[in-house]
């Protein structure tokens, strides 16, 4: 069944999230600015949260349920899905705590750094765990139709943020990967991506203060 499913977009999303975690680390560890002020108004933080929320909720709603059905009667494999959902559930409150810290005038950089370290550790570990443990199950058990439905739900969750999140997703990807991700999209979308969305995204200094979108 692996030949019927193209997981390129999932790996591209994971790479993009890892890329942004590196930016987040830089913002919260550089001494020449107030990381609370920068992160509170940085477009990069908003885009990261939107992409991660779309990715994880699409998995929770449209990937794990059909996969769980396909793996019925295989308790060891089902445990993997339970762990995936549990890891999602742990990550979301950390993001909420970061936002609460950013909204607190008395918050300091130390507290913010502790929370962003926890986010980076938890998310990086989850992404690797998903690739090592869940992706083989997806390849082995999921149908092309089920994977296609997940793709559709994922795209719907991104929705109106597509003009920024599509170039965000493909930032740093090589040309064959970009071509593969864009191939299923309508021609007008691809034209807009090239002519308008990429230039607008490139001009956005997303990890500087005051760039929130």
N, C-alpha and C. Protein backbone atom coordinates (compact mmCIF):
# COMPACT_ATOMS: atom_id res chain seq x y z
N UNK A 1 0.81 -1.21 0.00
CA UNK A 1 0.00 0.00 0.00
C UNK A 1 0.85 1.27 0.00
N UNK A 2 2.14 1.15 0.30
CA UNK A 2 3.01 2.32 0.38
C UNK A 2 3.14 3.02 -0.95
N UNK A 3 3.06 2.28 -2.07
CA UNK A 3 3.20 2.90 -3.39
C UNK A 3 2.03 3.83 -3.71
N UNK A 4 0.90 3.65 -3.03
CA UNK A 4 -0.29 4.44 -3.33
C UNK A 4 -0.34 5.73 -2.53
N UNK A 5 0.54 5.90 -1.58
CA UNK A 5 0.49 7.06 -0.69
C UNK A 5 1.79 7.85 -0.79
N UNK A 6 1.65 9.14 -1.08
CA UNK A 6 2.81 10.03 -1.16
C UNK A 6 2.84 10.87 0.11
N UNK A 7 3.83 10.64 0.94
CA UNK A 7 3.93 11.34 2.22
C UNK A 7 4.83 12.57 2.16
N UNK A 8 5.12 13.04 0.95
CA UNK A 8 6.01 14.19 0.81
C UNK A 8 5.53 15.38 1.64
N UNK A 9 4.24 15.70 1.55
CA UNK A 9 3.73 16.88 2.25
C UNK A 9 3.89 16.76 3.76
N UNK A 10 3.73 15.55 4.29
CA UNK A 10 3.89 15.36 5.73
C UNK A 10 5.34 15.63 6.14
N UNK A 11 6.28 15.09 5.38
CA UNK A 11 7.68 15.31 5.72
C UNK A 11 8.08 16.77 5.53
N UNK A 12 7.52 17.43 4.52
CA UNK A 12 7.80 18.86 4.32
C UNK A 12 7.28 19.66 5.51
N UNK A 13 6.09 19.32 5.99
CA UNK A 13 5.55 20.00 7.17
C UNK A 13 6.44 19.79 8.38
N UNK A 14 6.88 18.56 8.59
CA UNK A 14 7.76 18.29 9.72
C UNK A 14 9.06 19.09 9.62
N UNK A 15 9.63 19.13 8.41
CA UNK A 15 10.86 19.90 8.22
C UNK A 15 10.63 21.39 8.49
N UNK A 16 9.48 21.91 8.07
CA UNK A 16 9.18 23.32 8.30
C UNK A 16 9.03 23.61 9.78
N UNK A 17 8.38 22.72 10.50
CA UNK A 17 8.23 22.92 11.94
C UNK A 17 9.59 22.88 12.65
N UNK A 18 10.45 21.96 12.24
CA UNK A 18 11.80 21.91 12.82
C UNK A 18 12.57 23.19 12.50
N UNK A 19 12.42 23.68 11.29
CA UNK A 19 13.09 24.93 10.89
C UNK A 19 12.65 26.07 11.79
N UNK A 20 11.36 26.16 12.06
CA UNK A 20 10.85 27.25 12.88
C UNK A 20 11.24 27.09 14.34
N UNK A 21 11.38 25.86 14.81
CA UNK A 21 11.87 25.68 16.18
C UNK A 21 13.28 26.24 16.33
N UNK A 22 14.09 26.12 15.28
CA UNK A 22 15.44 26.70 15.33
C UNK A 22 15.37 28.22 15.40
N UNK A 23 14.44 28.83 14.65
CA UNK A 23 14.26 30.28 14.73
C UNK A 23 13.77 30.69 16.12
N UNK A 24 12.86 29.90 16.67
CA UNK A 24 12.33 30.19 18.00
C UNK A 24 13.44 30.16 19.04
N UNK A 25 14.34 29.20 18.91
CA UNK A 25 15.48 29.12 19.83
C UNK A 25 16.36 30.36 19.70
N UNK A 26 16.59 30.79 18.48
CA UNK A 26 17.43 31.98 18.27
C UNK A 26 16.79 33.22 18.90
N UNK A 27 15.49 33.39 18.69
CA UNK A 27 14.80 34.56 19.22
C UNK A 27 14.85 34.60 20.74
N UNK A 28 14.74 33.44 21.37
CA UNK A 28 14.64 33.40 22.84
C UNK A 28 15.99 33.27 23.54
N UNK A 29 17.07 33.17 22.79
CA UNK A 29 18.38 33.04 23.43
C UNK A 29 19.34 34.17 23.06
N UNK A 30 18.97 35.01 22.10
CA UNK A 30 19.84 36.13 21.71
C UNK A 30 19.72 37.25 22.74
N UNK A 31 20.84 37.78 23.15
CA UNK A 31 20.86 38.73 24.27
C UNK A 31 20.60 40.18 23.86
N UNK A 32 20.55 40.49 22.57
CA UNK A 32 20.47 41.90 22.17
C UNK A 32 19.04 42.41 22.00
N UNK A 33 18.04 41.66 22.49
CA UNK A 33 16.67 42.14 22.41
C UNK A 33 15.84 41.48 23.53
N UNK A 34 14.63 41.97 23.72
CA UNK A 34 13.70 41.40 24.68
C UNK A 34 12.90 40.31 23.98
N UNK A 35 13.15 39.04 24.28
CA UNK A 35 12.47 37.97 23.55
C UNK A 35 10.96 37.98 23.74
N UNK A 36 10.48 38.43 24.89
CA UNK A 36 9.04 38.51 25.12
C UNK A 36 8.40 39.50 24.16
N UNK A 37 9.03 40.64 23.99
CA UNK A 37 8.49 41.67 23.10
C UNK A 37 8.53 41.20 21.66
N UNK A 38 9.64 40.59 21.27
CA UNK A 38 9.77 40.13 19.88
C UNK A 38 8.74 39.05 19.57
N UNK A 39 8.67 38.03 20.43
CA UNK A 39 7.79 36.90 20.13
C UNK A 39 6.32 37.30 20.16
N UNK A 40 5.98 38.25 21.02
CA UNK A 40 4.58 38.67 21.15
C UNK A 40 4.04 39.28 19.87
N UNK A 41 4.91 39.87 19.07
CA UNK A 41 4.45 40.57 17.86
C UNK A 41 5.10 40.04 16.58
N UNK A 42 5.72 38.86 16.64
CA UNK A 42 6.41 38.30 15.48
C UNK A 42 5.47 37.46 14.63
N UNK A 43 5.49 37.69 13.33
CA UNK A 43 4.68 36.90 12.41
C UNK A 43 5.07 35.43 12.45
N UNK A 44 6.36 35.17 12.68
CA UNK A 44 6.82 33.79 12.69
C UNK A 44 6.14 32.94 13.74
N UNK A 45 5.89 33.52 14.91
CA UNK A 45 5.21 32.78 15.98
C UNK A 45 3.77 32.48 15.58
N UNK A 46 3.09 33.46 14.99
CA UNK A 46 1.71 33.25 14.56
C UNK A 46 1.62 32.20 13.46
N UNK A 47 2.50 32.25 12.49
CA UNK A 47 2.48 31.27 11.39
C UNK A 47 2.80 29.87 11.91
N UNK A 48 3.76 29.78 12.81
CA UNK A 48 4.11 28.49 13.40
C UNK A 48 2.90 27.88 14.10
N UNK A 49 2.21 28.68 14.89
CA UNK A 49 1.05 28.16 15.63
C UNK A 49 -0.07 27.74 14.69
N UNK A 50 -0.34 28.54 13.67
CA UNK A 50 -1.40 28.20 12.73
C UNK A 50 -1.08 26.89 12.00
N UNK A 51 0.16 26.75 11.54
CA UNK A 51 0.54 25.55 10.81
C UNK A 51 0.48 24.32 11.71
N UNK A 52 0.99 24.45 12.92
CA UNK A 52 1.00 23.31 13.84
C UNK A 52 -0.42 22.91 14.22
N UNK A 53 -1.28 23.90 14.49
CA UNK A 53 -2.66 23.59 14.85
C UNK A 53 -3.38 22.89 13.70
N UNK A 54 -3.21 23.38 12.48
CA UNK A 54 -3.84 22.75 11.32
C UNK A 54 -3.35 21.31 11.16
N UNK A 55 -2.06 21.12 11.31
CA UNK A 55 -1.46 19.79 11.11
C UNK A 55 -1.94 18.80 12.16
N UNK A 56 -1.89 19.19 13.41
CA UNK A 56 -2.25 18.26 14.49
C UNK A 56 -3.75 18.00 14.55
N UNK A 57 -4.58 19.02 14.35
CA UNK A 57 -6.02 18.76 14.40
C UNK A 57 -6.47 17.93 13.21
N UNK A 58 -5.84 18.13 12.05
CA UNK A 58 -6.17 17.28 10.90
C UNK A 58 -5.79 15.83 11.17
N UNK A 59 -4.65 15.62 11.80
CA UNK A 59 -4.26 14.25 12.15
C UNK A 59 -5.25 13.65 13.15
N UNK A 60 -5.59 14.41 14.18
CA UNK A 60 -6.50 13.90 15.21
C UNK A 60 -7.87 13.56 14.64
N UNK A 61 -8.34 14.36 13.69
CA UNK A 61 -9.71 14.20 13.18
C UNK A 61 -9.81 13.31 11.94
N UNK A 62 -8.76 13.31 11.10
CA UNK A 62 -8.90 12.65 9.80
C UNK A 62 -7.80 11.64 9.48
N UNK A 63 -6.84 11.46 10.36
CA UNK A 63 -5.79 10.47 10.10
C UNK A 63 -5.83 9.33 11.11
N UNK A 64 -5.77 9.66 12.40
CA UNK A 64 -5.75 8.60 13.40
C UNK A 64 -7.03 7.77 13.42
N UNK A 65 -8.24 8.37 13.29
CA UNK A 65 -9.46 7.54 13.33
C UNK A 65 -9.53 6.47 12.24
N UNK A 66 -9.31 6.81 10.95
CA UNK A 66 -9.35 5.74 9.95
C UNK A 66 -8.21 4.74 10.11
N UNK A 67 -7.07 5.22 10.56
CA UNK A 67 -5.96 4.30 10.78
C UNK A 67 -6.26 3.36 11.93
N UNK A 68 -6.91 3.89 12.96
CA UNK A 68 -7.30 3.04 14.08
C UNK A 68 -8.28 1.94 13.62
N UNK A 69 -9.19 2.32 12.73
CA UNK A 69 -10.13 1.33 12.20
C UNK A 69 -9.40 0.25 11.41
N UNK A 70 -8.43 0.66 10.62
CA UNK A 70 -7.68 -0.31 9.80
C UNK A 70 -6.81 -1.23 10.66
N UNK A 71 -6.43 -0.75 11.84
CA UNK A 71 -5.54 -1.52 12.71
C UNK A 71 -6.30 -2.26 13.81
N UNK A 72 -7.62 -2.32 13.70
CA UNK A 72 -8.42 -3.01 14.70
C UNK A 72 -7.94 -4.44 14.89
N UNK A 73 -7.81 -4.85 16.15
CA UNK A 73 -7.33 -6.19 16.46
C UNK A 73 -5.82 -6.31 16.54
N UNK A 74 -5.12 -5.16 16.45
CA UNK A 74 -3.66 -5.16 16.54
C UNK A 74 -3.27 -4.22 17.68
N UNK A 75 -3.37 -4.68 18.92
CA UNK A 75 -3.22 -3.79 20.09
C UNK A 75 -1.88 -3.08 20.15
N UNK A 76 -0.79 -3.71 19.75
CA UNK A 76 0.50 -3.04 19.80
C UNK A 76 0.55 -1.84 18.87
N UNK A 77 -0.04 -1.99 17.69
CA UNK A 77 -0.08 -0.87 16.75
C UNK A 77 -1.03 0.22 17.23
N UNK A 78 -2.12 -0.17 17.84
CA UNK A 78 -3.08 0.82 18.34
C UNK A 78 -2.48 1.67 19.45
N UNK A 79 -1.59 1.09 20.22
CA UNK A 79 -0.91 1.86 21.27
C UNK A 79 -0.13 3.02 20.67
N UNK A 80 0.46 2.81 19.50
CA UNK A 80 1.20 3.88 18.83
C UNK A 80 0.30 5.08 18.57
N UNK A 81 -0.92 4.82 18.12
CA UNK A 81 -1.84 5.92 17.84
C UNK A 81 -2.25 6.63 19.12
N UNK A 82 -2.44 5.88 20.19
CA UNK A 82 -2.77 6.50 21.47
C UNK A 82 -1.64 7.42 21.93
N UNK A 83 -0.43 6.99 21.71
CA UNK A 83 0.73 7.81 22.10
C UNK A 83 0.81 9.07 21.23
N UNK A 84 0.54 8.93 19.92
CA UNK A 84 0.55 10.10 19.05
C UNK A 84 -0.44 11.16 19.55
N UNK A 85 -1.64 10.73 19.89
CA UNK A 85 -2.65 11.67 20.37
C UNK A 85 -2.26 12.27 21.73
N UNK A 86 -1.65 11.45 22.57
CA UNK A 86 -1.21 11.95 23.88
C UNK A 86 -0.12 13.00 23.72
N UNK A 87 0.78 12.78 22.77
CA UNK A 87 1.84 13.77 22.54
C UNK A 87 1.27 15.08 22.01
N UNK A 88 0.27 15.00 21.14
CA UNK A 88 -0.41 16.22 20.69
C UNK A 88 -1.00 16.97 21.88
N UNK A 89 -1.64 16.23 22.76
CA UNK A 89 -2.33 16.84 23.90
C UNK A 89 -1.37 17.52 24.86
N UNK A 90 -0.14 17.07 24.92
CA UNK A 90 0.85 17.68 25.80
C UNK A 90 1.40 18.97 25.19
N UNK A 91 1.51 19.01 23.87
CA UNK A 91 2.12 20.16 23.20
C UNK A 91 1.23 21.39 23.26
N UNK A 92 -0.06 21.21 23.05
CA UNK A 92 -0.97 22.35 22.98
C UNK A 92 -0.96 23.22 24.24
N UNK A 93 -0.98 22.65 25.46
CA UNK A 93 -0.94 23.50 26.66
C UNK A 93 0.36 24.30 26.81
N UNK A 94 1.45 23.78 26.28
CA UNK A 94 2.71 24.52 26.36
C UNK A 94 2.61 25.79 25.51
N UNK A 95 2.01 25.66 24.33
CA UNK A 95 1.82 26.84 23.48
C UNK A 95 0.91 27.84 24.17
N UNK A 96 -0.15 27.35 24.81
CA UNK A 96 -1.05 28.25 25.55
C UNK A 96 -0.29 28.96 26.68
N UNK A 97 0.59 28.24 27.35
CA UNK A 97 1.38 28.84 28.43
C UNK A 97 2.34 29.89 27.91
N UNK A 98 2.91 29.66 26.73
CA UNK A 98 3.78 30.66 26.12
C UNK A 98 2.99 31.92 25.82
N UNK A 99 1.81 31.77 25.23
CA UNK A 99 0.99 32.94 24.91
C UNK A 99 0.57 33.68 26.18
N UNK A 100 0.27 32.94 27.24
CA UNK A 100 -0.09 33.59 28.51
C UNK A 100 1.10 34.37 29.05
N UNK A 101 2.29 33.82 28.92
CA UNK A 101 3.50 34.51 29.37
C UNK A 101 3.73 35.78 28.57
N UNK A 102 3.52 35.69 27.25
CA UNK A 102 3.72 36.87 26.40
C UNK A 102 2.72 37.98 26.72
N UNK A 103 1.55 37.60 27.22
CA UNK A 103 0.52 38.59 27.56
C UNK A 103 0.69 39.17 28.97
N UNK A 104 1.62 38.62 29.72
CA UNK A 104 1.84 39.05 31.10
C UNK A 104 2.94 40.11 31.15
N UNK A 105 2.61 41.34 31.53
CA UNK A 105 3.64 42.41 31.57
C UNK A 105 4.77 42.10 32.53
N UNK A 106 4.53 41.24 33.52
CA UNK A 106 5.57 40.93 34.50
C UNK A 106 6.41 39.72 34.10
N UNK A 107 6.10 39.10 32.97
CA UNK A 107 6.84 37.90 32.56
C UNK A 107 8.29 38.25 32.23
N UNK A 108 9.16 37.28 32.43
CA UNK A 108 10.57 37.52 32.11
C UNK A 108 11.07 36.51 31.09
N UNK A 109 12.26 36.79 30.57
CA UNK A 109 12.84 35.95 29.52
C UNK A 109 13.16 34.55 30.01
N UNK A 110 13.47 34.40 31.30
CA UNK A 110 13.79 33.08 31.83
C UNK A 110 12.58 32.15 31.73
N UNK A 111 11.42 32.64 32.17
CA UNK A 111 10.21 31.83 32.09
C UNK A 111 9.88 31.49 30.65
N UNK A 112 9.99 32.47 29.76
CA UNK A 112 9.72 32.23 28.35
C UNK A 112 10.68 31.18 27.79
N UNK A 113 11.95 31.29 28.16
CA UNK A 113 12.93 30.32 27.67
C UNK A 113 12.64 28.91 28.14
N UNK A 114 12.20 28.77 29.38
CA UNK A 114 11.85 27.44 29.89
C UNK A 114 10.70 26.83 29.10
N UNK A 115 9.71 27.66 28.78
CA UNK A 115 8.55 27.15 28.05
C UNK A 115 8.89 26.83 26.59
N UNK A 116 9.68 27.69 25.96
CA UNK A 116 10.02 27.41 24.56
C UNK A 116 10.96 26.21 24.47
N UNK A 117 11.80 26.01 25.46
CA UNK A 117 12.62 24.79 25.49
C UNK A 117 11.74 23.55 25.61
N UNK A 118 10.72 23.63 26.47
CA UNK A 118 9.80 22.50 26.63
C UNK A 118 9.05 22.23 25.33
N UNK A 119 8.65 23.29 24.63
CA UNK A 119 7.97 23.12 23.35
C UNK A 119 8.88 22.47 22.33
N UNK A 120 10.11 22.98 22.23
CA UNK A 120 11.04 22.45 21.25
C UNK A 120 11.35 20.98 21.52
N UNK A 121 11.57 20.65 22.77
CA UNK A 121 11.88 19.27 23.13
C UNK A 121 10.69 18.36 22.84
N UNK A 122 9.50 18.79 23.25
CA UNK A 122 8.31 17.96 23.07
C UNK A 122 7.94 17.78 21.61
N UNK A 123 7.99 18.86 20.84
CA UNK A 123 7.58 18.77 19.44
C UNK A 123 8.62 18.03 18.61
N UNK A 124 9.90 18.32 18.81
CA UNK A 124 10.93 17.62 18.06
C UNK A 124 10.87 16.12 18.33
N UNK A 125 10.68 15.77 19.60
CA UNK A 125 10.56 14.35 19.94
C UNK A 125 9.35 13.71 19.30
N UNK A 126 8.24 14.44 19.29
CA UNK A 126 7.02 13.91 18.68
C UNK A 126 7.18 13.69 17.19
N UNK A 127 7.77 14.67 16.49
CA UNK A 127 7.94 14.54 15.05
C UNK A 127 8.78 13.32 14.70
N UNK A 128 9.86 13.12 15.43
CA UNK A 128 10.71 11.95 15.18
C UNK A 128 9.97 10.66 15.50
N UNK A 129 9.24 10.67 16.60
CA UNK A 129 8.48 9.47 17.00
C UNK A 129 7.42 9.14 15.95
N UNK A 130 6.76 10.17 15.44
CA UNK A 130 5.74 9.94 14.41
C UNK A 130 6.36 9.34 13.16
N UNK A 131 7.50 9.87 12.75
CA UNK A 131 8.15 9.35 11.55
C UNK A 131 8.63 7.91 11.74
N UNK A 132 9.12 7.61 12.94
CA UNK A 132 9.67 6.28 13.19
C UNK A 132 8.60 5.22 13.44
N UNK A 133 7.52 5.62 14.14
CA UNK A 133 6.54 4.62 14.58
C UNK A 133 5.21 4.68 13.85
N UNK A 134 4.72 5.89 13.55
CA UNK A 134 3.40 6.00 12.94
C UNK A 134 3.44 5.93 11.41
N UNK A 135 4.45 6.53 10.80
CA UNK A 135 4.52 6.53 9.34
C UNK A 135 4.54 5.11 8.76
N UNK A 136 5.31 4.16 9.34
CA UNK A 136 5.24 2.80 8.80
C UNK A 136 3.84 2.20 8.87
N UNK A 137 3.06 2.54 9.90
CA UNK A 137 1.69 2.05 9.98
C UNK A 137 0.82 2.70 8.91
N UNK A 138 1.02 3.98 8.67
CA UNK A 138 0.28 4.68 7.62
C UNK A 138 0.55 4.03 6.27
N UNK A 139 1.81 3.79 5.99
CA UNK A 139 2.18 3.19 4.70
C UNK A 139 1.59 1.79 4.56
N UNK A 140 1.56 1.07 5.63
CA UNK A 140 1.14 -0.33 5.57
C UNK A 140 -0.38 -0.50 5.57
N UNK A 141 -1.09 0.40 6.26
CA UNK A 141 -2.51 0.12 6.51
C UNK A 141 -3.48 1.08 5.84
N UNK A 142 -3.08 2.31 5.57
CA UNK A 142 -4.04 3.29 5.09
C UNK A 142 -4.23 3.17 3.57
N UNK A 143 -5.46 3.38 3.12
CA UNK A 143 -5.72 3.37 1.68
C UNK A 143 -5.41 4.74 1.08
N UNK A 144 -5.26 4.78 -0.24
CA UNK A 144 -5.00 6.04 -0.92
C UNK A 144 -6.17 7.00 -0.73
N UNK A 145 -7.39 6.47 -0.71
CA UNK A 145 -8.58 7.31 -0.52
C UNK A 145 -8.58 7.93 0.88
N UNK A 146 -8.21 7.16 1.87
CA UNK A 146 -8.17 7.68 3.24
C UNK A 146 -7.09 8.74 3.39
N UNK A 147 -5.94 8.50 2.77
CA UNK A 147 -4.88 9.50 2.81
C UNK A 147 -5.31 10.76 2.07
N UNK A 148 -6.00 10.60 0.94
CA UNK A 148 -6.49 11.75 0.20
C UNK A 148 -7.47 12.57 1.01
N UNK A 149 -8.32 11.90 1.79
CA UNK A 149 -9.26 12.62 2.66
C UNK A 149 -8.51 13.42 3.71
N UNK A 150 -7.49 12.82 4.30
CA UNK A 150 -6.67 13.54 5.28
C UNK A 150 -6.05 14.78 4.63
N UNK A 151 -5.53 14.64 3.42
CA UNK A 151 -4.94 15.77 2.71
C UNK A 151 -5.97 16.90 2.54
N UNK A 152 -7.19 16.53 2.19
CA UNK A 152 -8.24 17.53 1.99
C UNK A 152 -8.56 18.26 3.29
N UNK A 153 -8.69 17.49 4.37
CA UNK A 153 -8.98 18.10 5.66
C UNK A 153 -7.84 19.03 6.08
N UNK A 154 -6.62 18.58 5.85
CA UNK A 154 -5.45 19.40 6.19
C UNK A 154 -5.49 20.72 5.44
N UNK A 155 -5.79 20.66 4.15
CA UNK A 155 -5.86 21.88 3.34
C UNK A 155 -6.97 22.79 3.82
N UNK A 156 -8.11 22.20 4.22
CA UNK A 156 -9.22 23.00 4.72
C UNK A 156 -8.85 23.70 6.01
N UNK A 157 -8.08 23.04 6.87
CA UNK A 157 -7.70 23.65 8.14
C UNK A 157 -6.78 24.85 7.91
N UNK A 158 -5.97 24.79 6.88
CA UNK A 158 -5.10 25.94 6.54
C UNK A 158 -5.94 27.07 5.94
N UNK A 159 -6.84 26.70 5.05
CA UNK A 159 -7.85 27.60 4.52
C UNK A 159 -7.32 28.93 4.03
N UNK A 160 -7.86 30.01 4.61
CA UNK A 160 -7.54 31.36 4.14
C UNK A 160 -6.10 31.77 4.41
N UNK A 161 -5.39 31.01 5.23
CA UNK A 161 -3.98 31.31 5.49
C UNK A 161 -3.04 30.73 4.44
N UNK A 162 -3.60 30.06 3.43
CA UNK A 162 -2.78 29.42 2.40
C UNK A 162 -1.78 30.38 1.73
N UNK A 163 -2.16 31.62 1.40
CA UNK A 163 -1.19 32.51 0.72
C UNK A 163 0.10 32.72 1.50
N UNK A 164 0.06 32.62 2.82
CA UNK A 164 1.29 32.73 3.60
C UNK A 164 1.85 31.36 3.99
N UNK A 165 0.95 30.43 4.32
CA UNK A 165 1.43 29.15 4.84
C UNK A 165 1.99 28.22 3.76
N UNK A 166 1.54 28.37 2.52
CA UNK A 166 2.12 27.52 1.47
C UNK A 166 3.59 27.89 1.20
N UNK A 167 3.92 29.16 0.99
CA UNK A 167 5.35 29.48 0.87
C UNK A 167 6.12 29.24 2.16
N UNK A 168 5.48 29.41 3.31
CA UNK A 168 6.11 29.07 4.59
C UNK A 168 6.46 27.60 4.61
N UNK A 169 5.54 26.76 4.19
CA UNK A 169 5.75 25.32 4.17
C UNK A 169 6.93 24.93 3.28
N UNK A 170 7.04 25.59 2.14
CA UNK A 170 8.04 25.20 1.14
C UNK A 170 9.34 25.99 1.24
N UNK A 171 9.44 26.84 2.24
CA UNK A 171 10.65 27.63 2.45
C UNK A 171 11.84 26.69 2.70
N UNK A 172 12.83 26.72 1.80
CA UNK A 172 14.00 25.88 1.95
C UNK A 172 13.90 24.52 1.29
N UNK A 173 12.73 24.16 0.79
CA UNK A 173 12.58 22.86 0.11
C UNK A 173 13.25 22.92 -1.25
N UNK A 174 13.76 21.77 -1.72
CA UNK A 174 14.40 21.75 -3.03
C UNK A 174 13.34 21.78 -4.14
N UNK A 175 13.80 22.03 -5.37
CA UNK A 175 12.87 22.22 -6.48
C UNK A 175 12.00 20.99 -6.74
N UNK A 176 12.54 19.77 -6.73
CA UNK A 176 11.67 18.61 -6.95
C UNK A 176 10.57 18.48 -5.90
N UNK A 177 10.90 18.81 -4.65
CA UNK A 177 9.89 18.75 -3.58
C UNK A 177 8.82 19.80 -3.78
N UNK A 178 9.23 21.02 -4.11
CA UNK A 178 8.26 22.09 -4.38
C UNK A 178 7.34 21.68 -5.52
N UNK A 179 7.92 21.14 -6.60
CA UNK A 179 7.11 20.74 -7.74
C UNK A 179 6.13 19.64 -7.37
N UNK A 180 6.54 18.72 -6.53
CA UNK A 180 5.65 17.61 -6.13
C UNK A 180 4.50 18.11 -5.27
N UNK A 181 4.77 19.05 -4.37
CA UNK A 181 3.72 19.58 -3.52
C UNK A 181 2.74 20.43 -4.32
N UNK A 182 3.23 21.18 -5.29
CA UNK A 182 2.37 22.07 -6.07
C UNK A 182 1.60 21.32 -7.16
N UNK A 183 2.08 20.16 -7.58
CA UNK A 183 1.51 19.45 -8.74
C UNK A 183 0.00 19.22 -8.64
N UNK A 184 -0.55 18.84 -7.46
CA UNK A 184 -1.99 18.57 -7.42
C UNK A 184 -2.85 19.83 -7.38
N UNK A 185 -2.25 20.99 -7.24
CA UNK A 185 -3.02 22.22 -7.03
C UNK A 185 -3.49 22.79 -8.36
N UNK A 186 -4.61 23.51 -8.37
CA UNK A 186 -5.11 24.14 -9.60
C UNK A 186 -4.10 25.13 -10.16
N UNK A 187 -4.13 25.30 -11.47
CA UNK A 187 -3.18 26.20 -12.13
C UNK A 187 -3.25 27.62 -11.57
N UNK A 188 -4.43 28.19 -11.30
CA UNK A 188 -4.46 29.56 -10.75
C UNK A 188 -3.78 29.66 -9.38
N UNK A 189 -3.89 28.60 -8.59
CA UNK A 189 -3.22 28.60 -7.28
C UNK A 189 -1.72 28.61 -7.46
N UNK A 190 -1.24 27.78 -8.36
CA UNK A 190 0.21 27.73 -8.62
C UNK A 190 0.72 29.07 -9.16
N UNK A 191 -0.08 29.69 -10.02
CA UNK A 191 0.33 31.00 -10.57
C UNK A 191 0.37 32.05 -9.47
N UNK A 192 -0.62 32.03 -8.59
CA UNK A 192 -0.62 32.99 -7.48
C UNK A 192 0.55 32.73 -6.54
N UNK A 193 0.84 31.46 -6.30
CA UNK A 193 1.98 31.10 -5.44
C UNK A 193 3.26 31.73 -5.97
N UNK A 194 3.50 31.61 -7.27
CA UNK A 194 4.75 32.10 -7.86
C UNK A 194 4.77 33.62 -7.96
N UNK A 195 3.67 34.20 -8.41
CA UNK A 195 3.66 35.63 -8.72
C UNK A 195 3.45 36.52 -7.51
N UNK A 196 2.66 36.05 -6.53
CA UNK A 196 2.30 36.95 -5.42
C UNK A 196 2.68 36.40 -4.05
N UNK A 197 2.39 35.14 -3.80
CA UNK A 197 2.53 34.62 -2.44
C UNK A 197 3.98 34.51 -2.02
N UNK A 198 4.83 33.97 -2.88
CA UNK A 198 6.24 33.83 -2.51
C UNK A 198 6.90 35.19 -2.31
N UNK A 199 6.71 36.17 -3.23
CA UNK A 199 7.31 37.50 -2.98
C UNK A 199 6.83 38.13 -1.68
N UNK A 200 5.54 38.02 -1.37
CA UNK A 200 5.02 38.61 -0.13
C UNK A 200 5.61 37.92 1.09
N UNK A 201 5.74 36.61 1.03
CA UNK A 201 6.32 35.86 2.14
C UNK A 201 7.81 36.21 2.29
N UNK A 202 8.52 36.28 1.19
CA UNK A 202 9.95 36.59 1.23
C UNK A 202 10.22 37.96 1.84
N UNK A 203 9.32 38.88 1.61
CA UNK A 203 9.49 40.24 2.13
C UNK A 203 9.16 40.34 3.62
N UNK A 204 8.59 39.29 4.18
CA UNK A 204 8.17 39.31 5.58
C UNK A 204 9.32 38.88 6.49
N UNK A 205 9.77 39.79 7.33
CA UNK A 205 10.81 39.46 8.32
C UNK A 205 10.11 38.84 9.52
N UNK A 206 9.76 37.57 9.38
CA UNK A 206 8.75 36.98 10.26
C UNK A 206 9.18 36.80 11.71
N UNK A 207 10.45 36.82 12.02
CA UNK A 207 10.88 36.66 13.41
C UNK A 207 11.43 37.95 14.00
N UNK A 208 10.89 39.08 13.52
CA UNK A 208 11.21 40.37 14.11
C UNK A 208 9.97 40.94 14.77
N UNK A 209 10.16 41.84 15.71
CA UNK A 209 9.03 42.44 16.42
C UNK A 209 8.18 43.28 15.45
N UNK A 210 6.87 43.24 15.68
CA UNK A 210 5.98 44.10 14.93
C UNK A 210 5.61 43.60 13.56
N UNK A 211 5.80 42.28 13.29
CA UNK A 211 5.48 41.76 11.95
C UNK A 211 4.27 40.85 11.98
N UNK A 212 3.52 40.84 13.08
CA UNK A 212 2.39 39.92 13.21
C UNK A 212 1.42 40.06 12.05
N UNK A 213 0.90 38.91 11.57
CA UNK A 213 -0.02 38.90 10.44
C UNK A 213 -1.43 38.54 10.91
